[in-house]
C-alpha atoms as a PDB file:
ATOM      1  CA  MET A   1     108.832  37.195-103.167  1.00  0.00           C
ATOM      2  CA  ASP A   2     106.490  38.586-105.939  1.00  0.00           C
ATOM      3  CA  LEU A   3     105.696  35.212-107.505  1.00  0.00           C
ATOM      4  CA  GLN A   4     104.600  34.040-103.811  1.00  0.00           C
ATOM      5  CA  ILE A   5     102.340  36.929-103.267  1.00  0.00           C
ATOM      6  CA  SER A   6     101.106  36.212-106.759  1.00  0.00           C
ATOM      7  CA  VAL A   7     100.340  32.567-106.200  1.00  0.00           C
ATOM      8  CA  PHE A   8      98.856  33.400-103.083  1.00  0.00           C
ATOM      9  CA  LEU A   9      96.490  36.094-104.285  1.00  0.00           C
ATOM     10  CA  LEU A  10      95.699  33.428-107.183  1.00  0.00           C
ATOM     11  CA  PHE A  11      94.917  31.005-104.678  1.00  0.00           C
ATOM     12  CA  ILE A  12      92.272  33.218-102.774  1.00  0.00           C
ATOM     13  CA  LEU A  13      90.512  34.295-106.018  1.00  0.00           C
ATOM     14  CA  PHE A  14      90.506  30.793-107.103  1.00  0.00           C
ATOM     15  CA  ASN A  15      88.820  29.554-103.687  1.00  0.00           C
ATOM     16  CA  ALA A  16      86.367  32.508-103.586  1.00  0.00           C
ATOM     17  CA  GLY A  17      85.187  31.577-107.200  1.00  0.00           C
ATOM     18  CA  HIS A  18      83.839  28.429-105.659  1.00  0.00           C
ATOM     19  CA  SER A  19      81.476  30.225-103.163  1.00  0.00           C
ATOM     20  CA  ILE A  20      77.946  30.742-104.197  1.00  0.00           C
ATOM     21  CA  ILE A  21      75.549  33.600-103.535  1.00  0.00           C
ATOM     22  CA  CYS A  22      71.888  32.749-102.409  1.00  0.00           C
ATOM     23  CA  ASN A  23      68.646  34.321-101.432  1.00  0.00           C
ATOM     24  CA  GLU A  24      67.797  33.571 -97.793  1.00  0.00           C
ATOM     25  CA  CYS A  25      64.210  33.863 -96.401  1.00  0.00           C
ATOM     26  CA  LEU A  26      63.623  31.670 -93.351  1.00  0.00           C
ATOM     27  CA  MET A  27      61.183  33.476 -91.155  1.00  0.00           C
ATOM     28  CA  GLY A  28      61.323  36.918 -92.572  1.00  0.00           C
ATOM     29  CA  PRO A  29      62.361  39.038 -95.562  1.00  0.00           C
ATOM     30  CA  CYS A  30      64.873  38.035 -97.822  1.00  0.00           C
ATOM     31  CA  ALA A  31      69.015  38.847 -97.865  1.00  0.00           C
ATOM     32  CA  GLN A  32      71.453  37.557-100.042  1.00  0.00           C
ATOM     33  CA  LYS A  33      73.865  35.439 -98.114  1.00  0.00           C
ATOM     34  CA  THR A  34      77.300  33.562 -99.527  1.00  0.00           C
ATOM     35  CA  CYS A  35      77.226  29.939 -98.935  1.00  0.00           C
ATOM     36  CA  PRO A  36      80.306  28.124 -98.218  1.00  0.00           C
ATOM     37  CA  SER A  37      82.119  25.904-100.707  1.00  0.00           C
ATOM     38  CA  GLY A  38      79.990  22.868-101.697  1.00  0.00           C
ATOM     39  CA  TYR A  39      76.703  24.474-101.125  1.00  0.00           C
ATOM     40  CA  SER A  40      73.906  25.052-103.620  1.00  0.00           C
ATOM     41  CA  CYS A  41      71.096  27.371-103.299  1.00  0.00           C
ATOM     42  CA  TYR A  42      67.421  26.153-102.706  1.00  0.00           C
ATOM     43  CA  SER A  43      63.886  27.148-102.731  1.00  0.00           C
ATOM     44  CA  SER A  44      61.111  25.208-100.684  1.00  0.00           C
ATOM     45  CA  ILE A  45      57.339  25.546-100.328  1.00  0.00           C
ATOM     46  CA  TYR A  46      55.416  23.911 -97.943  1.00  0.00           C
ATOM     47  CA  ALA A  47      51.929  23.568 -96.907  1.00  0.00           C
ATOM     48  CA  GLY A  48      50.909  21.952 -93.345  1.00  0.00           C
ATOM     49  CA  PRO A  49      47.231  20.966 -92.266  1.00  0.00           C
ATOM     50  CA  THR A  50      46.304  24.274 -90.897  1.00  0.00           C
ATOM     51  CA  ASP A  51      48.073  26.467 -93.539  1.00  0.00           C
ATOM     52  CA  THR A  52      45.911  28.730 -95.718  1.00  0.00           C
ATOM     53  CA  SER A  53      48.554  29.283 -98.262  1.00  0.00           C
ATOM     54  CA  PRO A  54      51.729  27.686 -98.568  1.00  0.00           C
ATOM     55  CA  ALA A  55      54.949  29.065 -96.771  1.00  0.00           C
ATOM     56  CA  ALA A  56      58.268  29.531 -98.884  1.00  0.00           C
ATOM     57  CA  THR A  57      62.065  28.981 -97.421  1.00  0.00           C
ATOM     58  CA  LYS A  58      65.323  30.043 -99.434  1.00  0.00           C
ATOM     59  CA  ALA A  59      68.820  29.162 -98.305  1.00  0.00           C
ATOM     60  CA  CYS A  60      72.021  27.301 -98.996  1.00  0.00           C
ATOM     61  CA  PHE A  61      71.809  23.799 -98.888  1.00  0.00           C
ATOM     62  CA  PRO A  62      74.562  21.074 -99.148  1.00  0.00           C
ATOM     63  CA  GLU A  63      75.212  20.312-102.830  1.00  0.00           C
ATOM     64  CA  SER A  64      75.395  16.201-101.884  1.00  0.00           C
ATOM     65  CA  GLY A  65      71.891  16.430-100.509  1.00  0.00           C
ATOM     66  CA  CYS A  66      69.840  18.844-102.711  1.00  0.00           C
ATOM     67  CA  ALA A  67      67.489  17.645-104.973  1.00  0.00           C
ATOM     68  CA  THR A  68      64.572  19.026-106.980  1.00  0.00           C
ATOM     69  CA  GLY A  69      61.240  17.140-106.190  1.00  0.00           C
ATOM     70  CA  SER A  70      58.271  16.860-103.794  1.00  0.00           C
ATOM     71  CA  ILE A  71      56.830  14.963-101.005  1.00  0.00           C
ATOM     72  CA  ASN A  72      53.484  14.612 -99.823  1.00  0.00           C
ATOM     73  CA  ILE A  73      52.824  12.604 -96.418  1.00  0.00           C
ATOM     74  CA  GLY A  74      49.249  13.605 -96.226  1.00  0.00           C
ATOM     75  CA  ASN A  75      49.146  16.661 -93.914  1.00  0.00           C
ATOM     76  CA  LEU A  76      52.220  17.860 -95.189  1.00  0.00           C
ATOM     77  CA  LYS A  77      53.255  18.610 -98.790  1.00  0.00           C
ATOM     78  CA  LEU A  78      56.726  20.111 -99.623  1.00  0.00           C
ATOM     79  CA  SER A  79      58.277  21.120-102.843  1.00  0.00           C
ATOM     80  CA  VAL A  80      62.055  21.922-103.354  1.00  0.00           C
ATOM     81  CA  TYR A  81      64.251  23.202-106.069  1.00  0.00           C
ATOM     82  CA  CYS A  82      67.950  23.373-106.141  1.00  0.00           C
ATOM     83  CA  CYS A  83      70.266  25.391-108.394  1.00  0.00           C
ATOM     84  CA  ASN A  84      73.982  26.419-108.545  1.00  0.00           C
ATOM     85  CA  THR A  85      74.399  29.929-109.920  1.00  0.00           C
ATOM     86  CA  ASP A  86      74.330  33.067-108.011  1.00  0.00           C
ATOM     87  CA  LEU A  87      70.741  33.809-106.687  1.00  0.00           C
ATOM     88  CA  CYS A  88      69.308  31.279-108.806  1.00  0.00           C
ATOM     89  CA  ASN A  89      66.722  30.589-105.856  1.00  0.00           C
ATOM     90  CA  ALA A  90      64.937  33.974-106.348  1.00  0.00           C
ATOM     91  CA  LYS A  91      61.598  32.545-107.391  1.00  0.00           C
ATOM     92  CA  ASP A  92      59.421  30.225-105.103  1.00  0.00           C
ATOM     93  CA  ALA A  93      59.410  26.476-105.771  1.00  0.00           C
ATOM     94  CA  SER A  94      56.336  24.970-107.266  1.00  0.00           C
ATOM     95  CA  ASP A  95      53.101  24.679-105.279  1.00  0.00           C
ATOM     96  CA  PRO A  96      53.079  21.280-103.643  1.00  0.00           C
ATOM     97  CA  SER A  97      49.480  20.820-104.496  1.00  0.00           C
ATOM     98  CA  ASN A  98      49.814  19.877-108.320  1.00  0.00           C
ATOM     99  CA  ALA A  99      47.264  17.897-110.067  1.00  0.00           C
ATOM    100  CA  PRO A 100      47.007  13.970-109.494  1.00  0.00           C
ATOM    101  CA  ASN A 101      49.417  12.010-111.416  1.00  0.00           C
ATOM    102  CA  GLY A 102      47.640   8.802-111.357  1.00  0.00           C
ATOM    103  CA  ASN A 103      50.230   7.020-108.531  1.00  0.00           C
ATOM    104  CA  LYS A 104      48.902   6.086-105.462  1.00  0.00           C
ATOM    105  CA  CYS A 105      50.524   5.635-102.023  1.00  0.00           C
ATOM    106  CA  TYR A 106      49.522   4.661 -98.177  1.00  0.00           C
ATOM    107  CA  TYR A 107      50.110   7.422 -95.775  1.00  0.00           C
ATOM    108  CA  CYS A 108      49.807   7.652 -92.000  1.00  0.00           C
ATOM    109  CA  ASP A 109      47.243  10.095 -90.138  1.00  0.00           C
ATOM    110  CA  GLU A 110      47.497  11.639 -86.833  1.00  0.00           C
ATOM    111  CA  GLN A 111      45.963   8.363 -85.194  1.00  0.00           C
ATOM    112  CA  LYS A 112      49.164   6.645 -86.551  1.00  0.00           C
ATOM    113  CA  ASN A 113      46.742   4.534 -88.911  1.00  0.00           C
ATOM    114  CA  CYS A 114      49.095   3.802 -92.092  1.00  0.00           C
ATOM    115  CA  SER A 115      46.052   2.208 -94.525  1.00  0.00           C
ATOM    116  CA  LYS A 116      44.997   5.613 -95.588  1.00  0.00           C
ATOM    117  CA  VAL A 117      45.517   6.062 -99.242  1.00  0.00           C
ATOM    118  CA  LEU A 118      47.038   9.222-100.937  1.00  0.00           C
ATOM    119  CA  ASN A 119      46.939  10.504-104.600  1.00  0.00           C
ATOM    120  CA  CYS A 120      50.266  11.677-105.646  1.00  0.00           C
ATOM    121  CA  SER A 121      50.643  14.683-107.578  1.00  0.00           C
ATOM    122  CA  GLY A 122      53.245  16.460-110.072  1.00  0.00           C
ATOM    123  CA  ILE A 123      56.663  14.552-110.223  1.00  0.00           C
ATOM    124  CA  GLN A 124      55.758  12.378-106.964  1.00  0.00           C
ATOM    125  CA  ASP A 125      56.686   9.076-108.874  1.00  0.00           C
ATOM    126  CA  ARG A 126      57.394   6.934-106.174  1.00  0.00           C
ATOM    127  CA  CYS A 127      56.214   5.879-102.578  1.00  0.00           C
ATOM    128  CA  GLY A 128      58.210   6.412 -99.565  1.00  0.00           C
ATOM    129  CA  THR A 129      58.537   5.421 -96.072  1.00  0.00           C
ATOM    130  CA  LEU A 130      60.642   7.424 -93.775  1.00  0.00           C
ATOM    131  CA  LYS A 131      61.692   5.475 -90.306  1.00  0.00           C
ATOM    132  CA  GLY A 132      62.752   7.807 -87.236  1.00  0.00           C
ATOM    133  CA  THR A 133      66.307   7.136 -85.537  1.00  0.00           C
ATOM    134  CA  ASP A 134      65.205   6.332 -82.150  1.00  0.00           C
ATOM    135  CA  GLU A 135      61.540   5.565 -80.272  1.00  0.00           C
ATOM    136  CA  GLN A 136      60.389   9.000 -79.993  1.00  0.00           C
ATOM    137  CA  THR A 137      60.130   9.197 -83.619  1.00  0.00           C
ATOM    138  CA  GLY A 138      58.120   6.814 -85.736  1.00  0.00           C
ATOM    139  CA  VAL A 139      57.246   6.387 -89.409  1.00  0.00           C
ATOM    140  CA  LEU A 140      55.975   8.498 -92.215  1.00  0.00           C
ATOM    141  CA  LYS A 141      54.486   7.439 -95.364  1.00  0.00           C
ATOM    142  CA  GLY A 142      53.697   9.165 -98.801  1.00  0.00           C
ATOM    143  CA  CYS A 143      54.284  10.111-102.233  1.00  0.00           C
ATOM    144  CA  VAL A 144      58.035  11.365-103.211  1.00  0.00           C
ATOM    145  CA  SER A 145      60.132  12.137-106.118  1.00  0.00           C
ATOM    146  CA  LYS A 146      62.533  10.097-107.436  1.00  0.00           C
ATOM    147  CA  SER A 147      65.171  12.623-107.190  1.00  0.00           C
ATOM    148  CA  ILE A 148      64.308  12.960-103.476  1.00  0.00           C
ATOM    149  CA  CYS A 149      64.949   9.180-102.695  1.00  0.00           C
ATOM    150  CA  ASP A 150      68.351   9.420-104.652  1.00  0.00           C
ATOM    151  CA  ALA A 151      69.360  12.434-102.622  1.00  0.00           C
ATOM    152  CA  THR A 152      68.532  10.983 -99.325  1.00  0.00           C
ATOM    153  CA  THR A 153      70.720   8.159 -99.917  1.00  0.00           C
ATOM    154  CA  SER A 154      73.976  10.219-100.098  1.00  0.00           C
ATOM    155  CA  ALA A 155      72.851  12.785 -97.459  1.00  0.00           C
ATOM    156  CA  SER A 156      71.502  12.586 -93.850  1.00  0.00           C
ATOM    157  CA  PHE A 157      68.333  14.401 -93.230  1.00  0.00           C
ATOM    158  CA  GLY A 158      69.106  13.663 -89.489  1.00  0.00           C
ATOM    159  CA  LEU A 159      65.506  11.869 -89.170  1.00  0.00           C
ATOM    160  CA  GLY A 160      66.145   8.283 -90.419  1.00  0.00           C
ATOM    161  CA  ASN A 161      66.405   6.262 -93.231  1.00  0.00           C
ATOM    162  CA  ILE A 162      63.866   6.772 -96.183  1.00  0.00           C
ATOM    163  CA  THR A 163      63.144   3.948 -98.534  1.00  0.00           C
ATOM    164  CA  CYS A 164      61.203   4.255-101.816  1.00  0.00           C
ATOM    165  CA  CYS A 165      59.691   1.957-104.188  1.00  0.00           C
ATOM    166  CA  ALA A 166      57.808   2.432-107.453  1.00  0.00           C
ATOM    167  CA  GLY A 167      54.341   1.240-108.258  1.00  0.00           C
ATOM    168  CA  ASN A 168      50.930   2.222-106.654  1.00  0.00           C
ATOM    169  CA  LEU A 169      50.806   1.199-102.697  1.00  0.00           C
ATOM    170  CA  CYS A 170      53.865  -0.526-102.890  1.00  0.00           C
ATOM    171  CA  ASN A 171      54.936   1.140 -99.450  1.00  0.00           C
ATOM    172  CA  GLY A 172      52.607  -1.173 -97.400  1.00  0.00           C
ATOM    173  CA  ALA A 173      49.932  -0.170 -94.773  1.00  0.00           C
ATOM    174  CA  GLN A 174      51.271  -1.077 -91.363  1.00  0.00           C
ATOM    175  CA  SER A 175      50.049   0.999 -88.502  1.00  0.00           C
ATOM    176  CA  VAL A 176      52.611   3.297 -86.755  1.00  0.00           C
ATOM    177  CA  THR A 177      53.395   2.786 -82.809  1.00  0.00           C
ATOM    178  CA  GLN A 178      55.233   5.811 -82.450  1.00  0.00           C
ATOM    179  CA  SER A 179      54.780   9.652 -82.569  1.00  0.00           C
ATOM    180  CA  PHE A 180      53.868  10.624 -85.866  1.00  0.00           C
ATOM    181  CA  LEU A 181      53.552  14.292 -84.718  1.00  0.00           C
ATOM    182  CA  PHE A 182      57.092  14.355 -83.440  1.00  0.00           C
ATOM    183  CA  LEU A 183      58.611  13.236 -86.758  1.00  0.00           C
ATOM    184  CA  CYS A 184      56.487  15.469 -88.761  1.00  0.00           C
ATOM    185  CA  CYS A 185      57.680  18.396 -86.754  1.00  0.00           C
ATOM    186  CA  SER A 186      61.055  17.494 -86.919  1.00  0.00           C
ATOM    187  CA  LEU A 187      60.997  17.227 -90.832  1.00  0.00           C
ATOM    188  CA  LEU A 188      59.326  20.646 -91.131  1.00  0.00           C
ATOM    189  CA  SER A 189      61.937  22.161 -88.851  1.00  0.00           C
ATOM    190  CA  TYR A 190      64.586  20.617 -90.806  1.00  0.00           C
ATOM    191  CA  PHE A 191      63.434  22.216 -93.999  1.00  0.00           C
ATOM    192  CA  MET A 192      62.865  25.602 -92.348  1.00  0.00           C
ATOM    193  CA  MET A 193      66.235  26.056 -90.600  1.00  0.00           C
ATOM    194  CA  HIS A 194      68.552  24.693 -93.555  1.00  0.00           C
END
């Protein structure tokens, strides 16, 4: 009987060791949260078209889809970093408004014109196209880090499929016929709530 109790206690201790504690700040002050098994800590900072200063979010995120990188789709810039030790997301992600790196990609403006050219910055070494999952969502284009492209192939952001390419203006310049704003709000709310 003592052996069974000892094995049971070791099992509990072993499983508890796989959880990670992360800072969580979604819409207010930060708190510490124990994440479920298979999660990492992440920190993101994003700036929208009317933001006077970037907003930060910190929380738990599934390990399989967590990547350090950044996205710039013209009116929305997002930088994320992921880590896997307790409270490793204490610092904010880097500012998404880094210096240009020479890479250029097409992006879509509010009028759904996808022939606008965007100067990529920091580690945004790819051009990306994000297609929505239904008729209500549209297409987003812009600059993206390779690590974000790689992570989205293994994790679903619930927004559709992202395709990435390397090289200046490789993501085409077609017009968008669906709602740009709806997809942009979906992307922002996903990162705010996860």
